[in-house]
Amino acid sequence: MSTRRGLLRRLAALSGAAGLSGCSRFLAQRAEAPTADLPPNPRAGTLPPAQHAWNDALRTDSVGNHLLPRHYRLYMLGLDAEASEESARTVELAMRTLEAAHEFSPEGVLHMLGWGTRYFDRLGALDASPVRRPKVLSRTDDPELLDYDAILVVASDVPSHLTATEQALFGNSDALGDEPVDARLGDVFTVEQRRTGFLGEGLPAEHADAEGLPSELPADAPNFTGFRTGRKSTQATEERVTIQDGPYAGGTTMHLSHLVESLDAWWGMAESDRLDRLFSTDVTAEDVAEMDSLPFANNVREHAREEGVIGHFEKAARARKNGKPLLLRRDFNTVDGGQAGVHFLSLQRRLSDFEEVRDAMNGWWVREEHPEIEDRKNNGLLEFIRVVSRANFYVPPRDERAFPGG
């Protein structure tokens, strides 16, 4: 089994051979002293070791489903500075400023700093990393395949917290809450793309003027499709998505897709038809209102033959292992670009887990069951969504989040 120290030394040698002298020196130093000369994180005792471990901080509903924050910002980052101890200190101190200023909760700010395929490629270590460049996963989509150095995910119930965080980490604010700002992510990174979004009752209806939506949405709709997602039986546990061994243990992989939605026809359907396409033909509105989970039997082919339509969730459920989901979704609505959509943020132990679920979601294996089922038509949500971009990231453990080397 590779050790973290051994891999750091190999990466240092690789980066030196590639002419990245600063990176080589930095990684070599990390091999001998992974924490450099930074003092211990003063919040370490109250924060989970895994950056992606949000669940303990989340509220739950009456049946134990986790309730995600209501507002989101994603910063897709390009590395401006040399990979050095000084740059690593800047990144770590900036993140500690955020942690000191705001509680790690929806009432404060939840966050993750991930590292992308371009970063690992700079190190000559992409093949050894747990991520790879994204690829096209459907013959009905032609997404832009994106390559970044890093991503910062921040989420909160309080929009002003996210604005203040952005101004402190990437702008010129000299304080975040009561904390002085002595280091900024903007000193190391350029924001190449900024994405925004929201989740929860009332918020989709406030954005019904976006393209792809009817002029009005139900006031209580938590998503643009009108139905609540994220039930516990459809979500992997944080342990399930955590890498268990090897030099990247304790972290996870993140896939980020931007989907655009065209939902005028969706909202023109009867509620029963929407239920058929989102869930299954044997699910009623009363079932959805009462159930705390979505236990689907493996009746997809039978439903296809008998009804000429199949549901999104019943397709995706076929990709489970031992009855358990593979993905932990933290997706949310967006109107970026003026178009209704979803930023589909998925955490999984291996990117192949995401690809397996997407393959099941494609549903092409049931088209032969009924002439009314096509690549998109009567095939879950595929008629109403289009993937416009994909990107992959590694989210390290908290104590390795500044320039991880494995």
Protein backbone atom coordinates (compact mmCIF):
# COMPACT_ATOMS: atom_id res chain seq x y z
CA MET A 1 0.00 0.00 0.00
CA SER A 2 1.32 3.46 -0.90
CA THR A 3 2.01 5.78 1.99
CA ARG A 4 1.29 9.48 1.88
CA ARG A 5 4.94 10.31 2.53
CA GLY A 6 6.15 7.97 -0.21
CA LEU A 7 3.72 9.38 -2.74
CA LEU A 8 4.67 12.96 -1.87
CA ARG A 9 8.32 12.11 -2.52
CA ARG A 10 7.43 10.56 -5.90
CA LEU A 11 5.35 13.58 -6.80
CA ALA A 12 8.23 15.85 -5.82
CA ALA A 13 10.52 13.92 -8.16
CA LEU A 14 7.96 14.02 -10.96
CA SER A 15 7.36 17.75 -10.61
CA GLY A 16 11.08 18.39 -10.55
CA ALA A 17 11.50 16.39 -13.75
CA ALA A 18 8.72 18.44 -15.31
CA GLY A 19 10.47 21.68 -14.47
CA LEU A 20 8.08 22.67 -11.66
CA SER A 21 10.89 23.50 -9.26
CA GLY A 22 8.77 25.31 -6.67
CA CYS A 23 6.25 22.50 -6.63
CA SER A 24 9.06 19.96 -6.28
CA ARG A 25 10.54 21.76 -3.27
CA PHE A 26 7.13 22.17 -1.69
CA LEU A 27 6.15 18.51 -2.02
CA ALA A 28 9.52 17.34 -0.79
CA GLN A 29 9.12 19.49 2.30
CA ARG A 30 5.61 18.12 2.83
CA ALA A 31 7.02 14.58 2.70
CA GLU A 32 9.18 15.32 5.72
CA ALA A 33 6.89 17.73 7.59
CA PRO A 34 3.33 17.49 6.30
CA THR A 35 2.04 20.19 8.66
CA ALA A 36 4.97 22.55 8.02
CA ASP A 37 5.25 25.19 10.74
CA LEU A 38 1.60 26.15 11.05
CA PRO A 39 0.18 26.04 14.56
CA PRO A 40 -2.63 23.55 15.17
CA ASN A 41 -6.01 24.57 13.82
CA PRO A 42 -7.79 26.12 16.81
CA ARG A 43 -11.12 24.77 15.57
CA ALA A 44 -9.83 21.25 14.91
CA GLY A 45 -11.57 19.82 17.95
CA THR A 46 -15.02 20.95 16.85
CA LEU A 47 -14.80 20.26 13.12
CA PRO A 48 -15.17 16.85 11.43
CA PRO A 49 -11.90 15.49 10.00
CA ALA A 50 -13.61 14.99 6.62
CA GLN A 51 -14.50 18.19 4.79
CA HIS A 52 -17.49 16.47 3.22
CA ALA A 53 -18.91 15.37 6.60
CA TRP A 54 -21.82 17.80 6.78
CA ASN A 55 -24.57 15.50 8.03
CA ASP A 56 -24.02 15.94 11.76
CA ALA A 57 -24.36 19.70 11.29
CA LEU A 58 -27.60 19.48 9.28
CA ARG A 59 -31.14 19.70 10.56
CA THR A 60 -33.42 16.73 9.97
CA ASP A 61 -37.14 16.47 9.34
CA SER A 62 -39.57 14.45 11.42
CA VAL A 63 -38.48 11.14 9.86
CA GLY A 64 -34.75 11.76 9.88
CA ASN A 65 -34.08 13.09 6.36
CA HIS A 66 -31.23 15.57 6.30
CA LEU A 67 -32.19 19.11 5.26
CA LEU A 68 -29.51 20.85 3.24
CA PRO A 69 -28.77 24.59 3.42
CA ARG A 70 -30.92 26.92 1.32
CA HIS A 71 -28.25 28.96 -0.51
CA TYR A 72 -25.04 27.95 -2.38
CA ARG A 73 -22.05 29.40 -4.15
CA LEU A 74 -19.42 27.49 -6.08
CA TYR A 75 -16.09 29.01 -7.09
CA MET A 76 -14.23 27.21 -9.86
CA LEU A 77 -10.60 28.13 -9.36
CA GLY A 78 -7.44 28.45 -11.40
CA LEU A 79 -4.07 28.35 -9.65
CA ASP A 80 -2.15 31.62 -10.01
CA ALA A 81 0.63 31.06 -7.51
CA GLU A 82 3.44 28.53 -7.42
CA ALA A 83 2.81 25.46 -5.30
CA SER A 84 4.89 26.46 -2.32
CA GLU A 85 4.81 26.43 1.45
CA GLU A 86 3.82 30.08 1.38
CA SER A 87 0.88 29.32 -0.93
CA ALA A 88 -0.17 26.39 1.25
CA ARG A 89 -0.07 28.61 4.34
CA THR A 90 -2.20 31.20 2.57
CA VAL A 91 -4.83 28.64 1.60
CA GLU A 92 -4.95 27.05 5.04
CA LEU A 93 -5.09 30.36 6.89
CA ALA A 94 -7.84 31.63 4.61
CA MET A 95 -9.92 28.54 5.33
CA ARG A 96 -9.28 28.87 9.06
CA THR A 97 -10.49 32.46 8.91
CA LEU A 98 -13.77 31.21 7.46
CA GLU A 99 -14.03 28.55 10.15
CA ALA A 100 -13.30 31.03 12.92
CA ALA A 101 -15.84 33.56 11.62
CA HIS A 102 -18.77 31.22 11.03
CA GLU A 103 -20.04 28.10 12.73
CA PHE A 104 -19.83 24.97 10.58
CA SER A 105 -23.59 24.68 10.14
CA PRO A 106 -26.43 25.91 7.91
CA GLU A 107 -26.87 28.86 10.26
CA GLY A 108 -23.19 29.67 9.66
CA VAL A 109 -21.30 28.41 6.59
CA LEU A 110 -20.70 24.83 5.47
CA HIS A 111 -17.80 24.45 3.05
CA MET A 112 -15.50 22.13 1.10
CA LEU A 113 -12.27 22.88 -0.76
CA GLY A 114 -11.66 20.36 -3.53
CA TRP A 115 -8.84 19.93 -6.03
CA GLY A 116 -9.37 19.30 -9.71
CA THR A 117 -7.89 17.38 -12.58
CA ARG A 118 -5.80 20.31 -13.82
CA TYR A 119 -4.03 20.51 -10.44
CA PHE A 120 -3.12 16.83 -10.40
CA ASP A 121 -2.03 17.07 -14.02
CA ARG A 122 0.34 19.92 -13.05
CA LEU A 123 1.94 17.51 -10.60
CA GLY A 124 2.22 14.77 -13.19
CA ALA A 125 0.03 12.74 -10.84
CA LEU A 126 -3.37 12.62 -12.49
CA ASP A 127 -3.17 8.90 -13.25
CA ALA A 128 -2.28 8.14 -9.62
CA SER A 129 -5.02 10.37 -8.18
CA PRO A 130 -8.60 9.29 -7.43
CA VAL A 131 -9.94 11.62 -10.16
CA ARG A 132 -9.76 11.75 -13.93
CA ARG A 133 -10.97 14.14 -16.52
CA PRO A 134 -14.74 13.98 -17.07
CA LYS A 135 -16.20 12.24 -20.07
CA VAL A 136 -19.43 12.15 -22.04
CA LEU A 137 -21.83 9.71 -20.37
CA SER A 138 -24.85 9.91 -22.65
CA ARG A 139 -25.34 9.90 -26.39
CA THR A 140 -28.13 12.46 -25.97
CA ASP A 141 -25.86 15.12 -24.40
CA ASP A 142 -22.75 16.93 -25.57
CA PRO A 143 -21.47 18.60 -22.38
CA GLU A 144 -18.45 20.82 -22.04
CA LEU A 145 -15.80 18.78 -20.22
CA LEU A 146 -14.16 21.15 -17.76
CA ASP A 147 -10.75 21.11 -16.13
CA TYR A 148 -10.01 23.20 -13.02
CA ASP A 149 -7.32 23.42 -10.37
CA ALA A 150 -9.73 23.64 -7.45
CA ILE A 151 -13.27 24.35 -6.28
CA LEU A 152 -14.63 26.05 -3.18
CA VAL A 153 -18.18 25.07 -2.16
CA VAL A 154 -19.94 27.24 0.42
CA ALA A 155 -23.52 26.86 1.64
CA SER A 156 -25.68 28.62 4.21
CA ASP A 157 -29.24 29.45 5.16
CA VAL A 158 -28.09 33.08 5.41
CA PRO A 159 -27.26 34.62 2.01
CA SER A 160 -25.35 37.52 3.57
CA HIS A 161 -22.88 35.05 5.08
CA LEU A 162 -22.00 33.86 1.58
CA THR A 163 -21.61 37.40 0.29
CA ALA A 164 -19.32 38.30 3.18
CA THR A 165 -17.30 35.11 2.67
CA GLU A 166 -16.81 35.91 -1.01
CA GLN A 167 -15.69 39.47 -0.25
CA ALA A 168 -13.25 38.24 2.40
CA LEU A 169 -11.74 35.29 0.50
CA PHE A 170 -11.71 36.74 -3.01
CA GLY A 171 -12.33 40.46 -2.57
CA ASN A 172 -10.87 43.18 -0.39
CA SER A 173 -12.76 42.97 2.91
CA ASP A 174 -10.36 43.24 5.82
CA ALA A 175 -12.63 41.30 8.19
CA LEU A 176 -15.02 38.36 8.11
CA GLY A 177 -17.39 38.69 11.01
CA ASP A 178 -15.14 39.50 13.94
CA GLU A 179 -12.11 37.85 12.36
CA PRO A 180 -9.36 39.86 10.65
CA VAL A 181 -8.53 38.68 7.13
CA ASP A 182 -4.77 38.08 6.92
CA ALA A 183 -4.86 35.58 4.01
CA ARG A 184 -7.18 35.21 1.01
CA LEU A 185 -7.79 32.42 -1.44
CA GLY A 186 -7.69 35.17 -4.05
CA ASP A 187 -3.96 35.57 -3.34
CA VAL A 188 -3.42 32.07 -4.74
CA PHE A 189 -6.36 31.46 -7.10
CA THR A 190 -8.32 33.22 -9.80
CA VAL A 191 -12.08 32.63 -9.83
CA GLU A 192 -12.63 31.23 -13.33
CA GLN A 193 -16.33 30.62 -12.88
CA ARG A 194 -18.83 31.44 -10.17
CA ARG A 195 -22.03 29.45 -9.77
CA THR A 196 -25.00 30.06 -7.51
CA GLY A 197 -28.10 28.21 -6.40
CA PHE A 198 -30.78 27.54 -3.83
CA LEU A 199 -32.92 24.78 -2.36
CA GLY A 200 -36.08 24.67 -0.28
CA GLU A 201 -39.70 25.70 -0.16
CA GLY A 202 -40.49 29.13 -1.55
CA LEU A 203 -37.18 29.71 -3.33
CA PRO A 204 -38.01 28.07 -6.71
CA ALA A 205 -41.25 30.07 -6.91
CA GLU A 206 -39.23 33.27 -6.48
CA HIS A 207 -37.34 32.43 -9.69
CA ALA A 208 -40.26 31.43 -11.93
CA ASP A 209 -39.27 34.14 -14.41
CA ALA A 210 -36.28 32.06 -15.55
CA GLU A 211 -36.27 30.46 -18.97
CA GLY A 212 -37.57 26.89 -18.98
CA LEU A 213 -40.27 27.44 -16.36
CA PRO A 214 -43.97 28.27 -16.41
CA SER A 215 -44.91 31.75 -15.21
CA GLU A 216 -45.93 30.41 -11.80
CA LEU A 217 -44.71 27.61 -9.56
CA PRO A 218 -46.32 26.25 -6.38
CA ALA A 219 -45.22 28.34 -3.43
CA ASP A 220 -44.23 25.24 -1.45
CA ALA A 221 -42.16 23.59 -4.22
CA PRO A 222 -38.63 22.81 -2.90
CA ASN A 223 -37.30 22.16 -6.41
CA PHE A 224 -38.25 23.26 -9.91
CA THR A 225 -39.85 19.85 -10.50
CA GLY A 226 -42.07 20.39 -7.45
CA PHE A 227 -41.00 17.33 -5.46
CA ARG A 228 -38.69 16.95 -2.49
CA THR A 229 -35.55 14.92 -3.07
CA GLY A 230 -32.80 13.69 -0.76
CA ARG A 231 -34.78 11.10 1.18
CA LYS A 232 -32.44 9.06 3.34
CA SER A 233 -33.06 5.79 1.48
CA THR A 234 -31.83 7.41 -1.76
CA GLN A 235 -28.64 8.85 -0.24
CA ALA A 236 -25.37 7.06 0.47
CA THR A 237 -23.88 7.54 3.91
CA GLU A 238 -20.83 9.73 4.37
CA GLU A 239 -18.88 6.62 5.32
CA ARG A 240 -19.92 4.92 2.07
CA VAL A 241 -18.54 7.76 -0.07
CA THR A 242 -15.28 8.14 1.90
CA ILE A 243 -12.09 6.63 0.45
CA GLN A 244 -11.09 3.98 2.96
CA ASP A 245 -7.41 3.30 2.35
CA GLY A 246 -4.35 4.35 0.42
CA PRO A 247 -2.75 7.80 0.17
CA TYR A 248 -6.09 9.55 -0.43
CA ALA A 249 -7.93 7.92 2.49
CA GLY A 250 -10.35 10.11 4.38
CA GLY A 251 -11.30 12.14 1.33
CA THR A 252 -13.91 11.63 -1.37
CA THR A 253 -14.45 12.35 -5.03
CA MET A 254 -16.84 15.04 -6.27
CA HIS A 255 -18.60 15.15 -9.61
CA LEU A 256 -20.25 18.39 -10.65
CA SER A 257 -22.69 18.55 -13.55
CA HIS A 258 -24.62 21.59 -14.70
CA LEU A 259 -28.03 20.52 -16.01
CA VAL A 260 -30.48 22.88 -17.70
CA GLU A 261 -34.18 22.16 -17.39
CA SER A 262 -37.09 22.75 -19.79
CA LEU A 263 -40.13 22.31 -17.60
CA ASP A 264 -43.05 24.02 -19.35
CA ALA A 265 -44.24 20.64 -20.67
CA TRP A 266 -43.49 19.05 -17.28
CA TRP A 267 -45.87 21.39 -15.48
CA GLY A 268 -48.44 20.94 -18.26
CA MET A 269 -48.76 17.25 -17.32
CA ALA A 270 -51.14 15.81 -14.78
CA GLU A 271 -49.55 15.19 -11.40
CA SER A 272 -49.83 11.43 -11.93
CA ASP A 273 -47.77 11.70 -15.12
CA ARG A 274 -45.08 13.69 -13.31
CA LEU A 275 -45.01 11.05 -10.57
CA ASP A 276 -44.59 8.31 -13.19
CA ARG A 277 -41.53 10.03 -14.65
CA LEU A 278 -39.84 11.10 -11.45
CA PHE A 279 -40.57 8.07 -9.27
CA SER A 280 -42.42 5.07 -10.71
CA THR A 281 -45.79 4.15 -12.17
CA ASP A 282 -46.76 2.41 -8.93
CA VAL A 283 -46.25 5.50 -6.73
CA THR A 284 -49.12 7.85 -5.89
CA ALA A 285 -49.16 11.41 -4.55
CA GLU A 286 -50.25 10.03 -1.18
CA ASP A 287 -47.28 7.66 -1.15
CA VAL A 288 -44.86 10.53 -1.82
CA ALA A 289 -46.42 12.70 0.87
CA GLU A 290 -46.26 9.97 3.51
CA MET A 291 -43.15 7.94 2.78
CA ASP A 292 -39.84 8.78 4.40
CA SER A 293 -38.03 6.58 1.92
CA LEU A 294 -38.40 5.39 -1.67
CA PRO A 295 -38.24 1.57 -1.58
CA PHE A 296 -38.48 0.44 -5.20
CA ALA A 297 -38.73 -3.17 -6.21
CA ASN A 298 -36.79 -4.07 -9.33
CA ASN A 299 -39.84 -3.79 -11.62
CA VAL A 300 -38.47 -1.40 -14.22
CA ARG A 301 -38.86 -3.72 -17.21
CA GLU A 302 -42.33 -4.75 -16.10
CA HIS A 303 -43.39 -1.10 -15.75
CA ALA A 304 -41.92 -0.32 -19.15
CA ARG A 305 -43.82 -3.17 -20.85
CA GLU A 306 -47.12 -2.45 -19.13
CA GLU A 307 -47.13 1.36 -18.96
CA GLY A 308 -44.82 2.61 -21.70
CA VAL A 309 -43.02 4.91 -19.25
CA ILE A 310 -40.32 4.49 -16.59
CA GLY A 311 -39.35 6.61 -13.59
CA HIS A 312 -36.07 8.35 -12.83
CA PHE A 313 -35.68 6.98 -9.31
CA GLU A 314 -36.57 3.40 -10.20
CA LYS A 315 -33.90 3.43 -12.91
CA ALA A 316 -31.21 4.91 -10.65
CA ALA A 317 -32.05 2.43 -7.89
CA ARG A 318 -30.80 -0.42 -10.10
CA ALA A 319 -27.23 0.81 -9.57
CA ARG A 320 -27.28 0.15 -5.83
CA LYS A 321 -24.89 -2.28 -4.15
CA ASN A 322 -26.44 -4.66 -1.63
CA GLY A 323 -29.51 -2.45 -1.72
CA LYS A 324 -27.54 0.66 -0.72
CA PRO A 325 -27.13 3.85 -2.80
CA LEU A 326 -23.67 4.73 -4.14
CA LEU A 327 -23.99 8.52 -4.25
CA LEU A 328 -24.39 11.26 -1.68
CA ARG A 329 -26.08 14.10 -3.56
CA ARG A 330 -25.83 17.73 -2.54
CA ASP A 331 -27.46 19.15 -5.64
CA PHE A 332 -29.51 22.35 -5.81
CA ASN A 333 -31.53 24.55 -8.16
CA THR A 334 -29.95 27.33 -10.19
CA VAL A 335 -30.91 30.08 -12.62
CA ASP A 336 -27.34 30.77 -13.72
CA GLY A 337 -27.41 32.16 -17.24
CA GLY A 338 -31.12 32.96 -16.85
CA GLN A 339 -32.06 29.30 -17.42
CA ALA A 340 -33.68 26.98 -14.89
CA GLY A 341 -31.35 24.18 -13.97
CA VAL A 342 -29.57 22.07 -11.40
CA HIS A 343 -25.99 22.06 -10.20
CA PHE A 344 -25.73 18.34 -9.58
CA LEU A 345 -23.04 17.94 -6.94
CA SER A 346 -22.41 14.29 -6.18
CA LEU A 347 -19.99 12.71 -3.71
CA GLN A 348 -18.86 9.10 -4.14
CA ARG A 349 -15.94 6.89 -3.19
CA ARG A 350 -15.03 6.30 -6.85
CA LEU A 351 -16.00 8.26 -9.93
CA SER A 352 -16.99 4.94 -11.48
CA ASP A 353 -19.84 4.85 -8.93
CA PHE A 354 -21.28 8.03 -10.42
CA GLU A 355 -20.83 6.70 -13.94
CA GLU A 356 -22.63 3.49 -13.03
CA VAL A 357 -25.61 5.41 -11.68
CA ARG A 358 -25.70 7.65 -14.75
CA ASP A 359 -25.63 4.57 -16.99
CA ALA A 360 -28.66 3.20 -15.13
CA MET A 361 -30.37 6.58 -15.43
CA ASN A 362 -29.93 6.55 -19.22
CA GLY A 363 -32.48 3.73 -19.35
CA TRP A 364 -31.58 2.63 -22.85
CA TRP A 365 -31.71 -0.98 -21.76
CA VAL A 366 -35.56 -0.79 -21.54
CA ARG A 367 -36.36 0.90 -24.85
CA GLU A 368 -36.99 -2.51 -26.39
CA GLU A 369 -39.77 -3.15 -23.87
CA HIS A 370 -42.19 -0.61 -25.36
CA PRO A 371 -42.26 1.48 -28.56
CA GLU A 372 -43.26 4.62 -26.62
CA ILE A 373 -39.98 4.62 -24.64
CA GLU A 374 -37.19 6.43 -26.45
CA ASP A 375 -33.77 7.81 -25.56
CA ARG A 376 -35.50 10.75 -23.88
CA LYS A 377 -39.27 10.42 -24.27
CA ASN A 378 -41.10 8.57 -21.46
CA ASN A 379 -37.66 7.83 -20.01
CA GLY A 380 -37.63 9.38 -16.54
CA LEU A 381 -36.45 13.00 -16.50
CA LEU A 382 -34.32 12.80 -19.63
CA GLU A 383 -36.95 14.55 -21.76
CA PHE A 384 -36.71 17.61 -19.51
CA ILE A 385 -32.99 17.99 -18.76
CA ARG A 386 -29.79 18.49 -20.71
CA VAL A 387 -26.23 18.25 -19.36
CA VAL A 388 -24.18 21.29 -20.38
CA SER A 389 -20.96 20.67 -18.43
CA ARG A 390 -19.08 18.19 -16.24
CA ALA A 391 -16.08 18.47 -13.91
CA ASN A 392 -14.37 16.18 -11.40
CA PHE A 393 -12.60 16.93 -8.10
CA TYR A 394 -10.98 15.29 -5.09
CA VAL A 395 -12.04 16.59 -1.65
CA PRO A 396 -9.20 15.87 0.82
CA PRO A 397 -9.51 15.48 4.57
CA ARG A 398 -9.49 18.82 6.38
CA ASP A 399 -5.87 18.59 7.54
CA GLU A 400 -4.66 17.93 3.96
CA ARG A 401 -6.81 20.48 2.13
CA ALA A 402 -3.97 22.89 1.22
CA PHE A 403 -2.23 21.48 -1.86
CA PRO A 404 -2.83 17.77 -1.32
CA GLY A 405 -0.29 15.38 -2.73
CA GLY A 406 -1.98 12.15 -1.81
